[in-house]
PDB file of N, CA and C in Angstrom:
ATOM      1  N   UNK A   1     101.422 220.477  28.574  1.00  0.00           N
ATOM      2  CA  UNK A   1     102.682 219.844  28.202  1.00  0.00           C
ATOM      3  C   UNK A   1     102.924 218.651  29.130  1.00  0.00           C
ATOM      4  N   UNK A   2     103.217 217.511  28.559  1.00  0.00           N
ATOM      5  CA  UNK A   2     103.368 216.279  29.325  1.00  0.00           C
ATOM      6  C   UNK A   2     104.545 216.325  30.293  1.00  0.00           C
ATOM      7  N   UNK A   3     105.600 217.045  29.956  1.00  0.00           N
ATOM      8  CA  UNK A   3     106.787 217.053  30.809  1.00  0.00           C
ATOM      9  C   UNK A   3     106.521 217.657  32.187  1.00  0.00           C
ATOM     10  N   UNK A   4     105.441 218.399  32.350  1.00  0.00           N
ATOM     11  CA  UNK A   4     105.116 218.938  33.674  1.00  0.00           C
ATOM     12  C   UNK A   4     104.318 217.943  34.514  1.00  0.00           C
ATOM     13  N   UNK A   5     103.875 216.862  33.907  1.00  0.00           N
ATOM     14  CA  UNK A   5     103.088 215.849  34.625  1.00  0.00           C
ATOM     15  C   UNK A   5     103.933 214.695  35.126  1.00  0.00           C
ATOM     16  N   UNK A   6     105.214 214.709  34.793  1.00  0.00           N
ATOM     17  CA  UNK A   6     106.142 213.671  35.235  1.00  0.00           C
ATOM     18  C   UNK A   6     107.346 214.348  35.892  1.00  0.00           C
ATOM     19  N   UNK A   7     108.209 213.542  36.481  1.00  0.00           N
ATOM     20  CA  UNK A   7     109.405 214.107  37.096  1.00  0.00           C
ATOM     21  C   UNK A   7     110.335 214.674  36.030  1.00  0.00           C
ATOM     22  N   UNK A   8     111.083 215.680  36.424  1.00  0.00           N
ATOM     23  CA  UNK A   8     112.056 216.296  35.523  1.00  0.00           C
ATOM     24  C   UNK A   8     113.158 215.283  35.207  1.00  0.00           C
ATOM     25  N   UNK A   9     113.938 215.576  34.197  1.00  0.00           N
ATOM     26  CA  UNK A   9     115.048 214.713  33.816  1.00  0.00           C
ATOM     27  C   UNK A   9     116.018 214.543  34.990  1.00  0.00           C
ATOM     28  N   UNK A  10     116.377 215.628  35.644  1.00  0.00           N
ATOM     29  CA  UNK A  10     117.339 215.569  36.763  1.00  0.00           C
ATOM     30  C   UNK A  10     116.807 214.708  37.910  1.00  0.00           C
ATOM     31  N   UNK A  11     115.555 214.905  38.275  1.00  0.00           N
ATOM     32  CA  UNK A  11     114.956 214.105  39.356  1.00  0.00           C
ATOM     33  C   UNK A  11     114.867 212.643  38.922  1.00  0.00           C
ATOM     34  N   UNK A  12     114.541 212.400  37.662  1.00  0.00           N
ATOM     35  CA  UNK A  12     114.471 211.027  37.159  1.00  0.00           C
ATOM     36  C   UNK A  12     115.824 210.330  37.260  1.00  0.00           C
ATOM     37  N   UNK A  13     116.891 211.060  36.981  1.00  0.00           N
ATOM     38  CA  UNK A  13     118.240 210.494  37.134  1.00  0.00           C
ATOM     39  C   UNK A  13     118.490 210.098  38.590  1.00  0.00           C
ATOM     40  N   UNK A  14     118.096 210.955  39.517  1.00  0.00           N
ATOM     41  CA  UNK A  14     118.286 210.659  40.944  1.00  0.00           C
ATOM     42  C   UNK A  14     117.454 209.450  41.373  1.00  0.00           C
ATOM     43  N   UNK A  15     116.237 209.348  40.868  1.00  0.00           N
ATOM     44  CA  UNK A  15     115.394 208.189  41.203  1.00  0.00           C
ATOM     45  C   UNK A  15     116.050 206.894  40.743  1.00  0.00           C
ATOM     46  N   UNK A  16     116.584 206.893  39.531  1.00  0.00           N
ATOM     47  CA  UNK A  16     117.235 205.688  39.022  1.00  0.00           C
ATOM     48  C   UNK A  16     118.470 205.353  39.849  1.00  0.00           C
ATOM     49  N   UNK A  17     119.252 206.375  40.211  1.00  0.00           N
ATOM     50  CA  UNK A  17     120.462 206.161  41.011  1.00  0.00           C
ATOM     51  C   UNK A  17     120.141 205.567  42.383  1.00  0.00           C
ATOM     52  N   UNK A  18     118.972 205.869  42.917  1.00  0.00           N
ATOM     53  CA  UNK A  18     118.605 205.370  44.242  1.00  0.00           C
ATOM     54  C   UNK A  18     117.766 204.093  44.177  1.00  0.00           C
ATOM     55  N   UNK A  19     117.729 203.477  42.988  1.00  0.00           N
ATOM     56  CA  UNK A  19     117.136 202.158  42.891  1.00  0.00           C
ATOM     57  C   UNK A  19     115.687 202.059  42.475  1.00  0.00           C
ATOM     58  N   UNK A  20     115.149 203.080  41.815  1.00  0.00           N
ATOM     59  CA  UNK A  20     113.761 202.974  41.330  1.00  0.00           C
ATOM     60  C   UNK A  20     113.691 201.832  40.331  1.00  0.00           C
ATOM     61  N   UNK A  21     112.829 200.848  40.582  1.00  0.00           N
ATOM     62  CA  UNK A  21     112.697 199.682  39.706  1.00  0.00           C
ATOM     63  C   UNK A  21     111.320 199.568  39.052  1.00  0.00           C
ATOM     64  N   UNK A  22     110.355 200.258  39.591  1.00  0.00           N
ATOM     65  CA  UNK A  22     108.982 200.139  39.113  1.00  0.00           C
ATOM     66  C   UNK A  22     108.835 200.705  37.698  1.00  0.00           C
ATOM     67  N   UNK A  23     108.063 199.990  36.879  1.00  0.00           N
ATOM     68  CA  UNK A  23     107.771 200.507  35.544  1.00  0.00           C
ATOM     69  C   UNK A  23     106.885 201.736  35.661  1.00  0.00           C
ATOM     70  N   UNK A  24     107.078 202.650  34.747  1.00  0.00           N
ATOM     71  CA  UNK A  24     106.270 203.865  34.727  1.00  0.00           C
ATOM     72  C   UNK A  24     105.627 204.011  33.348  1.00  0.00           C
ATOM     73  N   UNK A  25     104.659 204.872  33.256  1.00  0.00           N
ATOM     74  CA  UNK A  25     103.975 205.087  31.977  1.00  0.00           C
ATOM     75  C   UNK A  25     104.815 205.897  30.992  1.00  0.00           C
ATOM     76  N   UNK A  26     105.792 206.666  31.526  1.00  0.00           N
ATOM     77  CA  UNK A  26     106.635 207.503  30.672  1.00  0.00           C
ATOM     78  C   UNK A  26     108.097 207.345  31.065  1.00  0.00           C
ATOM     79  N   UNK A  27     108.973 207.594  30.087  1.00  0.00           N
ATOM     80  CA  UNK A  27     110.419 207.497  30.293  1.00  0.00           C
ATOM     81  C   UNK A  27     111.117 208.634  29.572  1.00  0.00           C
ATOM     82  N   UNK A  28     112.227 209.070  30.160  1.00  0.00           N
ATOM     83  CA  UNK A  28     113.131 209.982  29.468  1.00  0.00           C
ATOM     84  C   UNK A  28     114.093 209.102  28.682  1.00  0.00           C
ATOM     85  N   UNK A  29     114.226 209.341  27.389  1.00  0.00           N
ATOM     86  CA  UNK A  29     115.060 208.521  26.519  1.00  0.00           C
ATOM     87  C   UNK A  29     116.115 209.392  25.844  1.00  0.00           C
ATOM     88  N   UNK A  30     117.404 208.996  25.957  1.00  0.00           N
ATOM     89  CA  UNK A  30     118.442 209.797  25.306  1.00  0.00           C
ATOM     90  C   UNK A  30     118.480 209.509  23.806  1.00  0.00           C
ATOM     91  N   UNK A  31     118.678 210.554  23.042  1.00  0.00           N
ATOM     92  CA  UNK A  31     118.840 210.431  21.596  1.00  0.00           C
ATOM     93  C   UNK A  31     120.112 211.187  21.225  1.00  0.00           C
ATOM     94  N   UNK A  32     120.891 210.616  20.354  1.00  0.00           N
ATOM     95  CA  UNK A  32     122.134 211.248  19.923  1.00  0.00           C
ATOM     96  C   UNK A  32     121.949 211.758  18.500  1.00  0.00           C
ATOM     97  N   UNK A  33     122.113 213.055  18.330  1.00  0.00           N
ATOM     98  CA  UNK A  33     121.915 213.639  17.005  1.00  0.00           C
ATOM     99  C   UNK A  33     123.232 213.849  16.267  1.00  0.00           C
ATOM    100  N   UNK A  34     124.287 213.188  16.718  1.00  0.00           N
ATOM    101  CA  UNK A  34     125.586 213.318  16.079  1.00  0.00           C
ATOM    102  C   UNK A  34     126.445 214.401  16.687  1.00  0.00           C
ATOM    103  N   UNK A  35     125.840 215.348  17.357  1.00  0.00           N
ATOM    104  CA  UNK A  35     126.576 216.447  17.977  1.00  0.00           C
ATOM    105  C   UNK A  35     126.452 216.389  19.499  1.00  0.00           C
ATOM    106  N   UNK A  36     125.231 216.208  19.975  1.00  0.00           N
ATOM    107  CA  UNK A  36     125.013 216.183  21.417  1.00  0.00           C
ATOM    108  C   UNK A  36     123.870 215.238  21.769  1.00  0.00           C
ATOM    109  N   UNK A  37     123.808 214.936  23.042  1.00  0.00           N
ATOM    110  CA  UNK A  37     122.752 214.076  23.545  1.00  0.00           C
ATOM    111  C   UNK A  37     121.533 214.925  23.898  1.00  0.00           C
ATOM    112  N   UNK A  38     120.380 214.509  23.417  1.00  0.00           N
ATOM    113  CA  UNK A  38     119.129 215.174  23.754  1.00  0.00           C
ATOM    114  C   UNK A  38     118.208 214.136  24.392  1.00  0.00           C
ATOM    115  N   UNK A  39     117.427 214.576  25.359  1.00  0.00           N
ATOM    116  CA  UNK A  39     116.505 213.671  26.026  1.00  0.00           C
ATOM    117  C   UNK A  39     115.076 213.992  25.601  1.00  0.00           C
ATOM    118  N   UNK A  40     114.313 212.926  25.338  1.00  0.00           N
ATOM    119  CA  UNK A  40     112.924 213.080  24.924  1.00  0.00           C
ATOM    120  C   UNK A  40     112.041 212.256  25.842  1.00  0.00           C
ATOM    121  N   UNK A  41     110.881 212.774  26.131  1.00  0.00           N
ATOM    122  CA  UNK A  41     109.902 212.066  26.945  1.00  0.00           C
ATOM    123  C   UNK A  41     109.063 211.178  26.030  1.00  0.00           C
ATOM    124  N   UNK A  42     109.043 209.876  26.344  1.00  0.00           N
ATOM    125  CA  UNK A  42     108.291 208.943  25.497  1.00  0.00           C
ATOM    126  C   UNK A  42     107.406 208.049  26.361  1.00  0.00           C
ATOM    127  N   UNK A  43     106.247 207.648  25.822  1.00  0.00           N
ATOM    128  CA  UNK A  43     105.407 206.709  26.556  1.00  0.00           C
ATOM    129  C   UNK A  43     106.057 205.321  26.582  1.00  0.00           C
ATOM    130  N   UNK A  44     105.737 204.555  27.598  1.00  0.00           N
ATOM    131  CA  UNK A  44     106.296 203.215  27.756  1.00  0.00           C
ATOM    132  C   UNK A  44     106.084 202.381  26.495  1.00  0.00           C
ATOM    133  N   UNK A  45     104.928 202.495  25.876  1.00  0.00           N
ATOM    134  CA  UNK A  45     104.606 201.681  24.700  1.00  0.00           C
ATOM    135  C   UNK A  45     105.520 201.970  23.507  1.00  0.00           C
ATOM    136  N   UNK A  46     106.234 203.103  23.538  1.00  0.00           N
ATOM    137  CA  UNK A  46     107.138 203.433  22.438  1.00  0.00           C
ATOM    138  C   UNK A  46     108.578 202.997  22.680  1.00  0.00           C
ATOM    139  N   UNK A  47     108.862 202.410  23.849  1.00  0.00           N
ATOM    140  CA  UNK A  47     110.203 201.884  24.090  1.00  0.00           C
ATOM    141  C   UNK A  47     110.377 200.642  23.229  1.00  0.00           C
ATOM    142  N   UNK A  48     111.556 200.463  22.692  1.00  0.00           N
ATOM    143  CA  UNK A  48     111.762 199.408  21.705  1.00  0.00           C
ATOM    144  C   UNK A  48     111.760 198.002  22.305  1.00  0.00           C
ATOM    145  N   UNK A  49     112.211 197.820  23.542  1.00  0.00           N
ATOM    146  CA  UNK A  49     112.228 196.497  24.151  1.00  0.00           C
ATOM    147  C   UNK A  49     113.324 195.595  23.629  1.00  0.00           C
ATOM    148  N   UNK A  50     114.228 196.116  22.836  1.00  0.00           N
ATOM    149  CA  UNK A  50     115.284 195.281  22.245  1.00  0.00           C
ATOM    150  C   UNK A  50     116.617 195.443  22.968  1.00  0.00           C
ATOM    151  N   UNK A  51     116.626 196.114  24.083  1.00  0.00           N
ATOM    152  CA  UNK A  51     117.877 196.331  24.808  1.00  0.00           C
ATOM    153  C   UNK A  51     118.530 197.661  24.461  1.00  0.00           C
ATOM    154  N   UNK A  52     118.101 198.299  23.399  1.00  0.00           N
ATOM    155  CA  UNK A  52     118.665 199.579  23.010  1.00  0.00           C
ATOM    156  C   UNK A  52     118.185 200.729  23.882  1.00  0.00           C
ATOM    157  N   UNK A  53     117.209 200.455  24.716  1.00  0.00           N
ATOM    158  CA  UNK A  53     116.642 201.500  25.571  1.00  0.00           C
ATOM    159  C   UNK A  53     117.113 201.360  27.020  1.00  0.00           C
ATOM    160  N   UNK A  54     118.269 200.765  27.212  1.00  0.00           N
ATOM    161  CA  UNK A  54     118.787 200.555  28.568  1.00  0.00           C
ATOM    162  C   UNK A  54     119.021 201.868  29.308  1.00  0.00           C
ATOM    163  N   UNK A  55     119.259 202.917  28.574  1.00  0.00           N
ATOM    164  CA  UNK A  55     119.538 204.213  29.191  1.00  0.00           C
ATOM    165  C   UNK A  55     118.277 204.980  29.557  1.00  0.00           C
ATOM    166  N   UNK A  56     117.111 204.427  29.226  1.00  0.00           N
ATOM    167  CA  UNK A  56     115.857 205.117  29.520  1.00  0.00           C
ATOM    168  C   UNK A  56     115.710 205.317  31.027  1.00  0.00           C
ATOM    169  N   UNK A  57     115.237 206.489  31.405  1.00  0.00           N
ATOM    170  CA  UNK A  57     115.042 206.826  32.813  1.00  0.00           C
ATOM    171  C   UNK A  57     113.553 206.876  33.122  1.00  0.00           C
ATOM    172  N   UNK A  58     113.135 206.292  34.237  1.00  0.00           N
ATOM    173  CA  UNK A  58     111.721 206.371  34.599  1.00  0.00           C
ATOM    174  C   UNK A  58     111.316 207.818  34.844  1.00  0.00           C
ATOM    175  N   UNK A  59     110.142 208.174  34.366  1.00  0.00           N
ATOM    176  CA  UNK A  59     109.594 209.523  34.563  1.00  0.00           C
ATOM    177  C   UNK A  59     108.209 209.349  35.168  1.00  0.00           C
ATOM    178  N   UNK A  60     108.139 209.045  36.475  1.00  0.00           N
ATOM    179  CA  UNK A  60     106.842 208.726  37.065  1.00  0.00           C
ATOM    180  C   UNK A  60     105.879 209.910  37.155  1.00  0.00           C
ATOM    181  N   UNK A  61     104.609 209.565  37.026  1.00  0.00           N
ATOM    182  CA  UNK A  61     103.515 210.492  37.264  1.00  0.00           C
ATOM    183  C   UNK A  61     103.333 210.648  38.771  1.00  0.00           C
ATOM    184  N   UNK A  62     102.579 211.647  39.184  1.00  0.00           N
ATOM    185  CA  UNK A  62     102.304 211.854  40.609  1.00  0.00           C
ATOM    186  C   UNK A  62     101.637 210.621  41.227  1.00  0.00           C
ATOM    187  N   UNK A  63     100.711 210.010  40.515  1.00  0.00           N
ATOM    188  CA  UNK A  63     100.017 208.830  41.042  1.00  0.00           C
ATOM    189  C   UNK A  63     100.975 207.666  41.255  1.00  0.00           C
ATOM    190  N   UNK A  64     101.944 207.507  40.368  1.00  0.00           N
ATOM    191  CA  UNK A  64     102.929 206.427  40.516  1.00  0.00           C
ATOM    192  C   UNK A  64     103.835 206.677  41.717  1.00  0.00           C
ATOM    193  N   UNK A  65     104.166 207.936  41.970  1.00  0.00           N
ATOM    194  CA  UNK A  65     104.985 208.278  43.130  1.00  0.00           C
ATOM    195  C   UNK A  65     104.200 208.107  44.429  1.00  0.00           C
ATOM    196  N   UNK A  66     102.938 208.477  44.422  1.00  0.00           N
ATOM    197  CA  UNK A  66     102.113 208.319  45.622  1.00  0.00           C
ATOM    198  C   UNK A  66     102.037 206.864  46.069  1.00  0.00           C
ATOM    199  N   UNK A  67     102.025 205.938  45.120  1.00  0.00           N
ATOM    200  CA  UNK A  67     101.999 204.520  45.443  1.00  0.00           C
ATOM    201  C   UNK A  67     103.270 204.069  46.158  1.00  0.00           C
ATOM    202  N   UNK A  68     104.348 204.797  45.969  1.00  0.00           N
ATOM    203  CA  UNK A  68     105.637 204.432  46.558  1.00  0.00           C
ATOM    204  C   UNK A  68     105.903 205.110  47.903  1.00  0.00           C
ATOM    205  N   UNK A  69     105.077 206.058  48.276  1.00  0.00           N
ATOM    206  CA  UNK A  69     105.265 206.763  49.547  1.00  0.00           C
ATOM    207  C   UNK A  69     104.366 206.162  50.617  1.00  0.00           C
ATOM    208  N   UNK A  70     104.882 206.030  51.844  1.00  0.00           N
ATOM    209  CA  UNK A  70     104.018 205.539  52.922  1.00  0.00           C
ATOM    210  C   UNK A  70     102.964 206.584  53.286  1.00  0.00           C
ATOM    211  N   UNK A  71     101.796 206.120  53.676  1.00  0.00           N
ATOM    212  CA  UNK A  71     100.738 207.056  54.075  1.00  0.00           C
ATOM    213  C   UNK A  71     101.029 207.649  55.444  1.00  0.00           C
ATOM    214  N   UNK A  72     101.809 206.911  56.256  1.00  0.00           N
ATOM    215  CA  UNK A  72     102.182 207.385  57.591  1.00  0.00           C
ATOM    216  C   UNK A  72     103.643 207.082  57.859  1.00  0.00           C
ATOM    217  N   UNK A  73     104.241 207.889  58.722  1.00  0.00           N
ATOM    218  CA  UNK A  73     105.596 207.653  59.234  1.00  0.00           C
ATOM    219  C   UNK A  73     105.509 207.608  60.746  1.00  0.00           C
ATOM    220  N   UNK A  74     106.170 206.642  61.328  1.00  0.00           N
ATOM    221  CA  UNK A  74     106.250 206.532  62.792  1.00  0.00           C
ATOM    222  C   UNK A  74     104.877 206.506  63.450  1.00  0.00           C
ATOM    223  N   UNK A  75     103.878 206.005  62.760  1.00  0.00           N
ATOM    224  CA  UNK A  75     102.514 205.842  63.281  1.00  0.00           C
ATOM    225  C   UNK A  75     101.847 207.135  63.743  1.00  0.00           C
ATOM    226  N   UNK A  76     102.479 208.274  63.543  1.00  0.00           N
ATOM    227  CA  UNK A  76     101.853 209.530  63.977  1.00  0.00           C
ATOM    228  C   UNK A  76     101.798 210.582  62.880  1.00  0.00           C
ATOM    229  N   UNK A  77     102.772 210.573  62.010  1.00  0.00           N
ATOM    230  CA  UNK A  77     102.834 211.590  60.965  1.00  0.00           C
ATOM    231  C   UNK A  77     102.204 211.058  59.689  1.00  0.00           C
ATOM    232  N   UNK A  78     101.283 211.820  59.132  1.00  0.00           N
ATOM    233  CA  UNK A  78     100.625 211.406  57.894  1.00  0.00           C
ATOM    234  C   UNK A  78     101.161 212.221  56.727  1.00  0.00           C
ATOM    235  N   UNK A  79     101.058 211.640  55.546  1.00  0.00           N
ATOM    236  CA  UNK A  79     101.478 212.330  54.335  1.00  0.00           C
ATOM    237  C   UNK A  79     100.530 213.498  54.079  1.00  0.00           C
ATOM    238  N   UNK A  80     101.097 214.679  53.909  1.00  0.00           N
ATOM    239  CA  UNK A  80     100.311 215.886  53.653  1.00  0.00           C
ATOM    240  C   UNK A  80     100.779 216.526  52.351  1.00  0.00           C
ATOM    241  N   UNK A  81      99.827 216.924  51.542  1.00  0.00           N
ATOM    242  CA  UNK A  81     100.131 217.597  50.279  1.00  0.00           C
ATOM    243  C   UNK A  81      99.309 218.877  50.241  1.00  0.00           C
ATOM    244  N   UNK A  82      99.995 219.986  49.973  1.00  0.00           N
ATOM    245  CA  UNK A  82      99.299 221.273  49.868  1.00  0.00           C
ATOM    246  C   UNK A  82      99.643 221.922  48.540  1.00  0.00           C
ATOM    247  N   UNK A  83      98.638 222.537  47.966  1.00  0.00           N
ATOM    248  CA  UNK A  83      98.867 223.340  46.766  1.00  0.00           C
ATOM    249  C   UNK A  83      98.934 224.789  47.208  1.00  0.00           C
ATOM    250  N   UNK A  84     100.092 225.377  47.030  1.00  0.00           N
ATOM    251  CA  UNK A  84     100.290 226.784  47.359  1.00  0.00           C
ATOM    252  C   UNK A  84     100.013 227.611  46.102  1.00  0.00           C
ATOM    253  N   UNK A  85     100.253 228.885  46.186  1.00  0.00           N
ATOM    254  CA  UNK A  85      99.938 229.747  45.046  1.00  0.00           C
ATOM    255  C   UNK A  85     100.691 229.360  43.773  1.00  0.00           C
ATOM    256  N   UNK A  86     101.999 229.083  43.921  1.00  0.00           N
ATOM    257  CA  UNK A  86     102.803 228.790  42.735  1.00  0.00           C
ATOM    258  C   UNK A  86     103.535 227.461  42.790  1.00  0.00           C
ATOM    259  N   UNK A  87     103.305 226.681  43.843  1.00  0.00           N
ATOM    260  CA  UNK A  87     104.002 225.403  43.953  1.00  0.00           C
ATOM    261  C   UNK A  87     103.252 224.445  44.862  1.00  0.00           C
ATOM    262  N   UNK A  88     103.760 223.229  44.909  1.00  0.00           N
ATOM    263  CA  UNK A  88     103.198 222.193  45.764  1.00  0.00           C
ATOM    264  C   UNK A  88     104.144 221.940  46.926  1.00  0.00           C
ATOM    265  N   UNK A  89     103.571 221.568  48.045  1.00  0.00           N
ATOM    266  CA  UNK A  89     104.343 221.247  49.239  1.00  0.00           C
ATOM    267  C   UNK A  89     103.958 219.827  49.667  1.00  0.00           C
ATOM    268  N   UNK A  90     104.960 218.987  49.849  1.00  0.00           N
ATOM    269  CA  UNK A  90     104.751 217.596  50.249  1.00  0.00           C
ATOM    270  C   UNK A  90     105.567 217.352  51.499  1.00  0.00           C
ATOM    271  N   UNK A  91     104.922 216.748  52.504  1.00  0.00           N
ATOM    272  CA  UNK A  91     105.639 216.457  53.735  1.00  0.00           C
ATOM    273  C   UNK A  91     104.861 215.509  54.616  1.00  0.00           C
ATOM    274  N   UNK A  92     105.370 215.320  55.797  1.00  0.00           N
ATOM    275  CA  UNK A  92     104.710 214.484  56.803  1.00  0.00           C
ATOM    276  C   UNK A  92     104.534 215.316  58.056  1.00  0.00           C
ATOM    277  N   UNK A  93     103.422 215.100  58.750  1.00  0.00           N
ATOM    278  CA  UNK A  93     103.154 215.819  59.978  1.00  0.00           C
ATOM    279  C   UNK A  93     101.814 215.407  60.553  1.00  0.00           C
ATOM    280  N   UNK A  94     101.396 216.101  61.604  1.00  0.00           N
ATOM    281  CA  UNK A  94     100.105 215.828  62.224  1.00  0.00           C
ATOM    282  C   UNK A  94      99.137 216.929  61.798  1.00  0.00           C
ATOM    283  N   UNK A  95      99.281 218.094  62.360  1.00  0.00           N
ATOM    284  CA  UNK A  95      98.449 219.221  61.956  1.00  0.00           C
ATOM    285  C   UNK A  95      99.192 220.134  60.984  1.00  0.00           C
ATOM    286  N   UNK A  96     100.498 220.152  61.117  1.00  0.00           N
ATOM    287  CA  UNK A  96     101.319 220.953  60.214  1.00  0.00           C
ATOM    288  C   UNK A  96     102.446 220.064  59.683  1.00  0.00           C
ATOM    289  N   UNK A  97     103.034 220.490  58.608  1.00  0.00           N
ATOM    290  CA  UNK A  97     104.094 219.703  57.982  1.00  0.00           C
ATOM    291  C   UNK A  97     105.410 219.968  58.705  1.00  0.00           C
ATOM    292  N   UNK A  98     106.089 218.872  59.091  1.00  0.00           N
ATOM    293  CA  UNK A  98     107.343 219.027  59.814  1.00  0.00           C
ATOM    294  C   UNK A  98     108.554 218.997  58.890  1.00  0.00           C
ATOM    295  N   UNK A  99     108.567 218.126  57.911  1.00  0.00           N
ATOM    296  CA  UNK A  99     109.655 218.077  56.926  1.00  0.00           C
ATOM    297  C   UNK A  99     109.004 218.127  55.567  1.00  0.00           C
ATOM    298  N   UNK A 100     109.263 219.189  54.803  1.00  0.00           N
ATOM    299  CA  UNK A 100     108.564 219.331  53.533  1.00  0.00           C
ATOM    300  C   UNK A 100     109.514 219.614  52.383  1.00  0.00           C
ATOM    301  N   UNK A 101     109.013 219.320  51.207  1.00  0.00           N
ATOM    302  CA  UNK A 101     109.714 219.647  49.972  1.00  0.00           C
ATOM    303  C   UNK A 101     108.733 220.368  49.073  1.00  0.00           C
ATOM    304  N   UNK A 102     109.212 221.405  48.421  1.00  0.00           N
ATOM    305  CA  UNK A 102     108.362 222.225  47.560  1.00  0.00           C
ATOM    306  C   UNK A 102     108.894 222.203  46.135  1.00  0.00           C
ATOM    307  N   UNK A 103     107.987 222.290  45.197  1.00  0.00           N
ATOM    308  CA  UNK A 103     108.370 222.375  43.795  1.00  0.00           C
ATOM    309  C   UNK A 103     107.167 222.877  43.002  1.00  0.00           C
ATOM    310  N   UNK A 104     107.431 223.476  41.858  1.00  0.00           N
ATOM    311  CA  UNK A 104     106.341 223.921  40.988  1.00  0.00           C
ATOM    312  C   UNK A 104     105.561 222.738  40.430  1.00  0.00           C
ATOM    313  N   UNK A 105     106.213 221.588  40.387  1.00  0.00           N
ATOM    314  CA  UNK A 105     105.616 220.374  39.846  1.00  0.00           C
ATOM    315  C   UNK A 105     105.303 219.398  40.985  1.00  0.00           C
ATOM    316  N   UNK A 106     104.077 218.889  41.027  1.00  0.00           N
ATOM    317  CA  UNK A 106     103.715 217.910  42.057  1.00  0.00           C
ATOM    318  C   UNK A 106     104.559 216.642  41.953  1.00  0.00           C
ATOM    319  N   UNK A 107     104.790 216.082  40.751  1.00  0.00           N
ATOM    320  CA  UNK A 107     105.648 214.895  40.694  1.00  0.00           C
ATOM    321  C   UNK A 107     107.051 215.146  41.254  1.00  0.00           C
ATOM    322  N   UNK A 108     107.635 216.300  40.988  1.00  0.00           N
ATOM    323  CA  UNK A 108     108.969 216.595  41.523  1.00  0.00           C
ATOM    324  C   UNK A 108     108.943 216.717  43.042  1.00  0.00           C
ATOM    325  N   UNK A 109     107.934 217.368  43.593  1.00  0.00           N
ATOM    326  CA  UNK A 109     107.839 217.503  45.053  1.00  0.00           C
ATOM    327  C   UNK A 109     107.695 216.126  45.703  1.00  0.00           C
ATOM    328  N   UNK A 110     106.861 215.261  45.125  1.00  0.00           N
ATOM    329  CA  UNK A 110     106.694 213.906  45.655  1.00  0.00           C
ATOM    330  C   UNK A 110     107.996 213.112  45.538  1.00  0.00           C
ATOM    331  N   UNK A 111     108.676 213.248  44.402  1.00  0.00           N
ATOM    332  CA  UNK A 111     109.934 212.526  44.198  1.00  0.00           C
ATOM    333  C   UNK A 111     111.011 212.999  45.172  1.00  0.00           C
ATOM    334  N   UNK A 112     111.068 214.297  45.437  1.00  0.00           N
ATOM    335  CA  UNK A 112     112.042 214.816  46.406  1.00  0.00           C
ATOM    336  C   UNK A 112     111.801 214.204  47.779  1.00  0.00           C
ATOM    337  N   UNK A 113     110.533 214.045  48.152  1.00  0.00           N
ATOM    338  CA  UNK A 113     110.220 213.410  49.433  1.00  0.00           C
ATOM    339  C   UNK A 113     110.663 211.950  49.419  1.00  0.00           C
ATOM    340  N   UNK A 114     110.398 211.243  48.326  1.00  0.00           N
ATOM    341  CA  UNK A 114     110.813 209.843  48.242  1.00  0.00           C
ATOM    342  C   UNK A 114     112.336 209.725  48.335  1.00  0.00           C
ATOM    343  N   UNK A 115     113.053 210.592  47.646  1.00  0.00           N
ATOM    344  CA  UNK A 115     114.514 210.573  47.701  1.00  0.00           C
ATOM    345  C   UNK A 115     115.011 210.815  49.123  1.00  0.00           C
ATOM    346  N   UNK A 116     114.396 211.746  49.821  1.00  0.00           N
ATOM    347  CA  UNK A 116     114.766 212.032  51.214  1.00  0.00           C
ATOM    348  C   UNK A 116     114.513 210.820  52.106  1.00  0.00           C
ATOM    349  N   UNK A 117     113.332 210.219  52.002  1.00  0.00           N
ATOM    350  CA  UNK A 117     112.991 209.066  52.832  1.00  0.00           C
ATOM    351  C   UNK A 117     113.943 207.894  52.557  1.00  0.00           C
ATOM    352  N   UNK A 118     114.304 207.708  51.309  1.00  0.00           N
ATOM    353  CA  UNK A 118     115.235 206.644  50.935  1.00  0.00           C
ATOM    354  C   UNK A 118     116.614 206.921  51.536  1.00  0.00           C
ATOM    355  N   UNK A 119     117.080 208.149  51.403  1.00  0.00           N
ATOM    356  CA  UNK A 119     118.404 208.540  51.930  1.00  0.00           C
ATOM    357  C   UNK A 119     118.470 208.352  53.443  1.00  0.00           C
ATOM    358  N   UNK A 120     117.384 208.679  54.128  1.00  0.00           N
ATOM    359  CA  UNK A 120     117.347 208.568  55.582  1.00  0.00           C
ATOM    360  C   UNK A 120     117.030 207.153  56.073  1.00  0.00           C
ATOM    361  N   UNK A 121     116.820 206.242  55.157  1.00  0.00           N
ATOM    362  CA  UNK A 121     116.529 204.860  55.512  1.00  0.00           C
ATOM    363  C   UNK A 121     115.126 204.651  56.067  1.00  0.00           C
ATOM    364  N   UNK A 122     114.227 205.558  55.766  1.00  0.00           N
ATOM    365  CA  UNK A 122     112.857 205.458  56.276  1.00  0.00           C
ATOM    366  C   UNK A 122     111.954 204.611  55.382  1.00  0.00           C
ATOM    367  N   UNK A 123     112.413 204.347  54.138  1.00  0.00           N
ATOM    368  CA  UNK A 123     111.747 203.420  53.236  1.00  0.00           C
ATOM    369  C   UNK A 123     112.823 202.591  52.551  1.00  0.00           C
ATOM    370  N   UNK A 124     112.409 201.452  52.023  1.00  0.00           N
ATOM    371  CA  UNK A 124     113.363 200.584  51.316  1.00  0.00           C
ATOM    372  C   UNK A 124     113.419 200.911  49.850  1.00  0.00           C
TER     373      UNK A 124
END
């Protein structure tokens, strides 16, 4: 299922709120069925480009998020990614991870780290 290869809708909303500007291969797009709003995951090539897709939220892949994270922090801590039994762990450290975020989805774990670094002013 493609939705597990990109950030969740909630994380995508947070990324947009914190200034994510980079184009991604996939987007969450709201659709109104007359009763309620539903969100659908669509490839970039299916966005209309006519201004009607202004509400589309970036849904980055893990590779797109990795490009946005620094490989090192403070010249000593390196980006570390571990696959645990049921989730992924992303953090920075030397031999062990000092500040980590975990999630069942690698894109969500990477995005949580990016959101943290942005909030703390460690990245622009």
